[in-house]
Amino acid sequence: MARVIAIFNQKGGVGKTTTAMNLSGYLAMLGKRTLLVDLDPQSNATVGLGIAHEPENTVYHALLAGRDVHQVIRRTHLSGLDLMPSSPDLSGALVELIEVPERERLLRRLLDKVRTHYDFIVIDLGPSLNLLTVNGLLAADEVIVPIQCEYYSLEGLGQVIETLSLIRENLEHPLAVNGALITMYDKREKLSREIAREIRKRFPYRVYDVEIPRSVALAEAPSFQKPIMLYAPQSPGAVAYERLARELVGAPAPAGEPAPAWSLPVRAREDAVQAEKPLDYGTYRLDPRSEPEEEKPFMLIVHEESGDY
């Protein structure tokens, strides 16, 4: 039975889609059957993975047009990673859902049909709080909250916590907070270090040890329609998302209301991550059932100070 994880933050531009794409990719590379559900009408995760979906076979048609969910799911270029693509049609769902009985739980009923086929289901949610977002949260068992290292993200932290509490209390859904993920972190900037410290102090649940760095490679990868492990697998952003996936796989699923603190001290967790065998990118193969992707040239620039790509 799959662990269903929503990537959620009401604020835009905090790295939700980047996290959903690359976390899903590394979960697949670690041998976990993974489904990525693109529930954002902007379809950034669908485009970023280079999936040319059929216009009548998207998550919108599975939710509201009676399309078979198995017909909608597409293979990606990574073995073990499937995608339920989005499209701009999903914007109309906000109006159409108003008259649908039990409209908040449509996605959960849809995913229940495929939960036994996967180890992880990751839901990429849009930057707002509407019926689609509520559907994604009610379909999930756990939530990961990406938080950008900027002042406004810190100010909106209380609103995120309040929203998750309302989902649990008013809709009686036992949504567990898996943890907060610090994104766009630059250790050279004093502001980033201060914001990260404040997040760890204020967030009442677990905060992941790994921080996702501000990385040129992470920003460039979607333009080449590749996840980071296929575009720049040795970049700092790729290493960070691999650590996140390993931490998620190695940790048990939280049950109900999670404990505010993680069980191991920071140094013990870092030692455990470093001791693990790194992924062998040379032997990892693409999904033979997917269409081969044409190689596109790109220029690789290395920053002398940070070593970033």
Protein backbone atom coordinates (compact mmCIF):
# COMPACT_ATOMS: atom_id res chain seq x y z
CA MET A 1 0.00 0.00 0.00
CA ALA A 2 1.45 3.34 -1.09
CA ARG A 3 2.41 6.18 1.20
CA VAL A 4 0.62 9.22 -0.25
CA ILE A 5 2.55 12.46 0.29
CA ALA A 6 1.36 15.95 -0.66
CA ILE A 7 3.86 18.73 -1.33
CA PHE A 8 2.06 21.76 0.09
CA ASN A 9 2.56 25.43 0.79
CA GLN A 10 0.02 28.14 0.07
CA LYS A 11 2.81 30.50 -0.98
CA GLY A 12 4.07 30.31 -4.55
CA GLY A 13 7.68 30.06 -5.65
CA VAL A 14 8.94 28.01 -2.71
CA GLY A 15 10.02 24.96 -4.73
CA LYS A 16 6.96 22.70 -4.52
CA THR A 17 7.11 21.44 -8.12
CA THR A 18 10.90 21.13 -8.06
CA THR A 19 10.62 19.08 -4.88
CA ALA A 20 7.78 16.92 -6.20
CA MET A 21 9.61 16.12 -9.46
CA ASN A 22 13.03 15.40 -8.02
CA LEU A 23 11.88 13.63 -4.86
CA SER A 24 9.72 11.34 -7.01
CA GLY A 25 12.64 10.69 -9.35
CA TYR A 26 15.02 9.73 -6.57
CA LEU A 27 12.41 7.54 -4.87
CA ALA A 28 12.15 5.64 -8.17
CA MET A 29 15.93 5.41 -8.44
CA LEU A 30 16.02 3.94 -4.94
CA GLY A 31 13.81 1.11 -6.17
CA LYS A 32 10.42 2.43 -5.03
CA ARG A 33 7.48 2.27 -7.42
CA THR A 34 6.38 5.90 -7.52
CA LEU A 35 3.48 7.86 -8.99
CA LEU A 36 3.66 11.64 -9.34
CA VAL A 37 0.25 13.35 -9.50
CA ASP A 38 0.37 16.81 -11.08
CA LEU A 39 -2.60 18.63 -9.51
CA ASP A 40 -1.49 22.11 -10.55
CA PRO A 41 -3.31 23.65 -13.57
CA GLN A 42 0.00 25.23 -14.62
CA SER A 43 1.23 21.68 -15.46
CA ASN A 44 4.84 22.51 -14.59
CA ALA A 45 5.66 19.00 -13.34
CA THR A 46 4.21 17.47 -16.51
CA VAL A 47 6.21 19.79 -18.75
CA GLY A 48 9.35 19.44 -16.62
CA LEU A 49 9.37 15.67 -17.06
CA GLY A 50 8.96 15.98 -20.83
CA ILE A 51 5.67 14.09 -20.99
CA ALA A 52 3.57 14.76 -24.09
CA HIS A 53 0.20 13.75 -22.70
CA GLU A 54 -2.93 13.14 -24.71
CA PRO A 55 -5.36 16.09 -24.45
CA GLU A 56 -8.22 13.85 -23.26
CA ASN A 57 -6.19 11.82 -20.77
CA THR A 58 -5.21 14.01 -17.83
CA VAL A 59 -6.00 14.13 -14.12
CA TYR A 60 -8.90 16.45 -14.96
CA HIS A 61 -10.56 13.81 -17.13
CA ALA A 62 -10.03 11.13 -14.48
CA LEU A 63 -11.61 13.34 -11.82
CA LEU A 64 -14.56 14.82 -13.70
CA ALA A 65 -15.00 13.11 -17.07
CA GLY A 66 -15.16 9.48 -15.94
CA ARG A 67 -11.88 8.49 -17.61
CA ASP A 68 -10.30 5.29 -16.29
CA VAL A 69 -7.41 6.23 -14.00
CA HIS A 70 -5.17 3.53 -15.51
CA GLN A 71 -5.67 5.07 -18.94
CA VAL A 72 -4.54 8.48 -17.67
CA ILE A 73 -1.28 7.38 -16.00
CA ARG A 74 1.79 7.75 -18.20
CA ARG A 75 5.25 6.19 -18.06
CA THR A 76 8.20 8.56 -17.72
CA HIS A 77 11.80 8.19 -18.85
CA LEU A 78 12.78 6.89 -15.40
CA SER A 79 12.13 3.25 -14.57
CA GLY A 80 9.69 3.00 -11.69
CA LEU A 81 8.30 6.54 -12.04
CA ASP A 82 4.82 7.13 -13.47
CA LEU A 83 2.99 10.41 -13.93
CA MET A 84 -0.65 11.44 -13.79
CA PRO A 85 -0.37 14.54 -16.02
CA SER A 86 -2.14 17.85 -15.62
CA SER A 87 -3.42 20.34 -18.17
CA PRO A 88 -4.93 23.85 -18.17
CA ASP A 89 -8.37 22.16 -18.23
CA LEU A 90 -7.88 21.61 -14.52
CA SER A 91 -8.59 25.31 -13.93
CA GLY A 92 -12.22 24.69 -14.87
CA ALA A 93 -12.51 22.02 -12.20
CA LEU A 94 -12.80 24.72 -9.54
CA VAL A 95 -16.20 25.68 -10.97
CA GLU A 96 -17.36 22.17 -11.86
CA LEU A 97 -16.55 20.73 -8.44
CA ILE A 98 -19.01 23.04 -6.70
CA GLU A 99 -22.03 20.87 -7.63
CA VAL A 100 -20.34 17.49 -7.10
CA PRO A 101 -21.31 15.51 -3.97
CA GLU A 102 -18.39 14.94 -1.55
CA ARG A 103 -16.25 17.03 -3.87
CA GLU A 104 -13.40 17.28 -1.35
CA ARG A 105 -12.64 13.55 -1.57
CA LEU A 106 -12.74 12.91 -5.33
CA LEU A 107 -8.97 12.55 -5.65
CA ARG A 108 -8.74 10.20 -2.67
CA ARG A 109 -11.32 7.86 -4.19
CA LEU A 110 -9.41 8.02 -7.48
CA LEU A 111 -6.04 7.18 -5.93
CA ASP A 112 -7.52 4.36 -3.85
CA LYS A 113 -7.84 2.45 -7.13
CA VAL A 114 -4.06 2.45 -7.70
CA ARG A 115 -2.57 2.60 -4.18
CA THR A 116 -1.68 -1.07 -4.20
CA HIS A 117 0.39 -0.61 -7.38
CA TYR A 118 2.90 1.82 -5.85
CA ASP A 119 5.16 2.33 -2.86
CA PHE A 120 4.88 6.13 -2.94
CA ILE A 121 2.38 8.55 -4.46
CA VAL A 122 3.55 12.19 -4.51
CA ILE A 123 1.01 14.97 -5.15
CA ASP A 124 2.20 18.32 -6.50
CA LEU A 125 -0.24 21.01 -5.34
CA GLY A 126 -0.70 24.53 -6.70
CA PRO A 127 0.19 27.73 -4.82
CA SER A 128 -3.25 28.45 -3.39
CA LEU A 129 -5.91 27.09 -1.07
CA ASN A 130 -8.93 25.98 -3.12
CA LEU A 131 -10.94 22.83 -3.80
CA LEU A 132 -8.11 21.25 -5.75
CA THR A 133 -5.68 21.83 -2.89
CA VAL A 134 -8.16 20.45 -0.36
CA ASN A 135 -8.63 17.39 -2.60
CA GLY A 136 -4.88 16.85 -2.61
CA LEU A 137 -4.56 17.21 1.16
CA LEU A 138 -7.47 14.85 1.84
CA ALA A 139 -6.02 12.31 -0.59
CA ALA A 140 -2.68 12.39 1.23
CA ASP A 141 -1.61 10.61 4.40
CA GLU A 142 1.40 12.88 4.93
CA VAL A 143 2.49 16.34 3.88
CA ILE A 144 5.90 17.88 3.21
CA VAL A 145 6.07 21.68 3.49
CA PRO A 146 8.78 23.37 1.36
CA ILE A 147 9.78 26.71 2.92
CA GLN A 148 11.92 29.17 0.99
CA CYS A 149 14.74 30.94 2.83
CA GLU A 150 13.14 34.37 2.58
CA TYR A 151 11.35 36.64 5.05
CA TYR A 152 7.86 36.36 3.51
CA SER A 153 7.98 32.56 3.66
CA LEU A 154 8.76 32.78 7.35
CA GLU A 155 5.83 35.16 7.90
CA GLY A 156 3.44 32.71 6.17
CA LEU A 157 4.52 29.77 8.29
CA GLY A 158 1.73 30.26 10.81
CA GLN A 159 -0.88 30.24 8.05
CA VAL A 160 0.42 26.91 6.74
CA ILE A 161 0.24 25.35 10.22
CA GLU A 162 -3.28 26.71 10.73
CA THR A 163 -4.46 25.31 7.37
CA LEU A 164 -3.14 21.84 8.17
CA SER A 165 -4.81 21.96 11.59
CA LEU A 166 -8.15 22.91 9.99
CA ILE A 167 -7.88 19.95 7.59
CA ARG A 168 -7.36 17.60 10.53
CA GLU A 169 -10.02 19.08 12.80
CA ASN A 170 -12.83 20.36 10.56
CA LEU A 171 -12.65 17.67 7.88
CA GLU A 172 -11.65 14.92 10.34
CA HIS A 173 -8.73 13.76 8.23
CA PRO A 174 -5.66 12.44 10.13
CA LEU A 175 -3.11 14.25 7.97
CA ALA A 176 0.40 13.82 9.37
CA VAL A 177 3.04 16.49 8.92
CA ASN A 178 6.07 14.59 7.66
CA GLY A 179 8.28 17.64 7.90
CA ALA A 180 9.34 21.04 6.62
CA LEU A 181 11.93 21.26 3.84
CA ILE A 182 14.15 24.33 3.67
CA THR A 183 14.62 25.34 0.02
CA MET A 184 16.67 27.91 -1.94
CA TYR A 185 19.23 27.96 0.86
CA ASP A 186 22.53 29.78 0.36
CA LYS A 187 24.94 29.15 3.21
CA ARG A 188 27.04 32.15 2.12
CA GLU A 189 24.19 34.57 2.87
CA LYS A 190 23.55 35.63 6.43
CA LEU A 191 19.82 36.00 5.74
CA SER A 192 19.53 32.37 4.58
CA ARG A 193 21.26 31.12 7.71
CA GLU A 194 19.05 33.24 9.97
CA ILE A 195 15.82 32.23 8.23
CA ALA A 196 16.78 28.54 8.39
CA ARG A 197 17.50 28.90 12.10
CA GLU A 198 14.13 30.59 12.68
CA ILE A 199 12.28 27.89 10.72
CA ARG A 200 13.83 25.21 12.93
CA LYS A 201 12.78 27.17 16.02
CA ARG A 202 9.22 28.05 14.95
CA PHE A 203 8.02 24.99 13.02
CA PRO A 204 6.36 22.73 15.61
CA TYR A 205 7.09 19.52 13.71
CA ARG A 206 10.11 17.87 12.18
CA VAL A 207 12.41 19.93 9.93
CA TYR A 208 14.60 17.93 7.56
CA ASP A 209 18.34 18.14 8.17
CA VAL A 210 19.05 18.53 4.48
CA GLU A 211 18.63 22.00 2.98
CA ILE A 212 17.96 22.34 -0.75
CA PRO A 213 20.52 24.85 -2.03
CA ARG A 214 19.89 27.69 -4.41
CA SER A 215 21.15 25.98 -7.55
CA VAL A 216 21.45 27.03 -11.18
CA ALA A 217 21.18 23.38 -12.25
CA LEU A 218 17.83 22.98 -10.47
CA ALA A 219 16.52 26.05 -12.28
CA GLU A 220 17.83 24.92 -15.68
CA ALA A 221 16.74 21.26 -15.60
CA PRO A 222 13.01 21.89 -16.38
CA SER A 223 13.93 23.81 -19.54
CA PHE A 224 15.61 20.61 -20.78
CA GLN A 225 12.53 18.61 -19.65
CA LYS A 226 14.60 16.51 -17.28
CA PRO A 227 14.67 15.91 -13.53
CA ILE A 228 17.92 16.93 -11.88
CA MET A 229 19.35 13.39 -11.75
CA LEU A 230 19.32 13.22 -15.57
CA TYR A 231 20.50 16.79 -16.13
CA ALA A 232 23.24 17.36 -13.52
CA PRO A 233 23.44 14.34 -11.19
CA GLN A 234 26.54 15.58 -9.34
CA SER A 235 25.27 19.10 -8.67
CA PRO A 236 24.62 20.22 -5.08
CA GLY A 237 20.86 20.30 -5.74
CA ALA A 238 20.89 16.70 -6.96
CA VAL A 239 22.88 15.54 -3.94
CA ALA A 240 20.43 17.31 -1.62
CA TYR A 241 17.34 15.70 -3.16
CA GLU A 242 18.99 12.29 -3.05
CA ARG A 243 19.59 12.78 0.67
CA LEU A 244 15.95 13.82 1.12
CA ALA A 245 14.71 10.68 -0.66
CA ARG A 246 17.00 8.47 1.42
CA GLU A 247 15.77 10.10 4.62
CA LEU A 248 12.16 9.64 3.56
CA VAL A 249 12.66 5.98 2.62
CA GLY A 250 14.57 5.22 5.80
CA ALA A 251 12.08 6.87 8.14
CA PRO A 252 8.79 5.19 9.11
CA ALA A 253 5.55 6.81 8.05
CA PRO A 254 4.23 9.14 10.77
CA ALA A 255 0.99 8.00 12.38
CA GLY A 256 -1.64 10.58 13.26
CA GLU A 257 -0.28 13.63 15.08
CA PRO A 258 3.52 13.45 14.60
CA ALA A 259 6.10 14.18 17.26
CA PRO A 260 7.58 17.68 17.05
CA ALA A 261 11.17 16.42 17.05
CA TRP A 262 13.04 13.82 15.03
CA SER A 263 14.46 10.84 16.88
CA LEU A 264 18.16 11.05 16.03
CA PRO A 265 20.57 13.89 16.77
CA VAL A 266 21.84 15.88 13.80
CA ARG A 267 25.35 14.40 13.80
CA ALA A 268 24.03 10.82 13.91
CA ARG A 269 21.74 11.47 10.96
CA GLU A 270 24.56 13.04 8.92
CA ASP A 271 26.84 10.09 9.64
CA ALA A 272 24.09 7.67 8.58
CA VAL A 273 23.58 9.47 5.28
CA GLN A 274 27.31 9.61 4.51
CA ALA A 275 27.72 5.91 5.28
CA GLU A 276 25.13 4.86 2.71
CA LYS A 277 26.27 3.63 -0.68
CA PRO A 278 25.76 6.34 -3.33
CA LEU A 279 23.54 5.69 -6.30
CA ASP A 280 25.29 4.22 -9.33
CA TYR A 281 24.23 6.54 -12.14
CA GLY A 282 26.23 4.55 -14.67
CA THR A 283 24.17 1.38 -14.28
CA TYR A 284 20.77 3.02 -13.77
CA ARG A 285 18.70 2.62 -16.93
CA LEU A 286 15.87 4.58 -18.39
CA ASP A 287 12.47 2.98 -18.75
CA PRO A 288 12.61 0.98 -22.02
CA ARG A 289 8.87 1.46 -22.45
CA SER A 290 9.24 5.21 -22.78
CA GLU A 291 10.16 7.03 -25.93
CA PRO A 292 13.90 7.72 -26.27
CA GLU A 293 14.71 11.34 -25.71
CA GLU A 294 16.77 13.29 -28.22
CA GLU A 295 19.97 14.62 -26.72
CA LYS A 296 20.03 18.39 -26.42
CA PRO A 297 23.34 20.25 -26.09
CA PHE A 298 23.89 22.45 -23.08
CA MET A 299 26.70 24.45 -21.54
CA LEU A 300 27.90 23.46 -18.06
CA ILE A 301 29.22 26.35 -15.97
CA VAL A 302 30.91 25.76 -12.62
CA HIS A 303 30.91 28.54 -10.01
CA GLU A 304 34.44 28.80 -8.64
CA GLU A 305 33.44 29.72 -5.06
CA SER A 306 30.47 27.44 -4.39
CA GLY A 307 31.21 24.59 -6.78
CA ASP A 308 27.62 24.83 -8.04
CA TYR A 309 26.76 23.92 -11.64
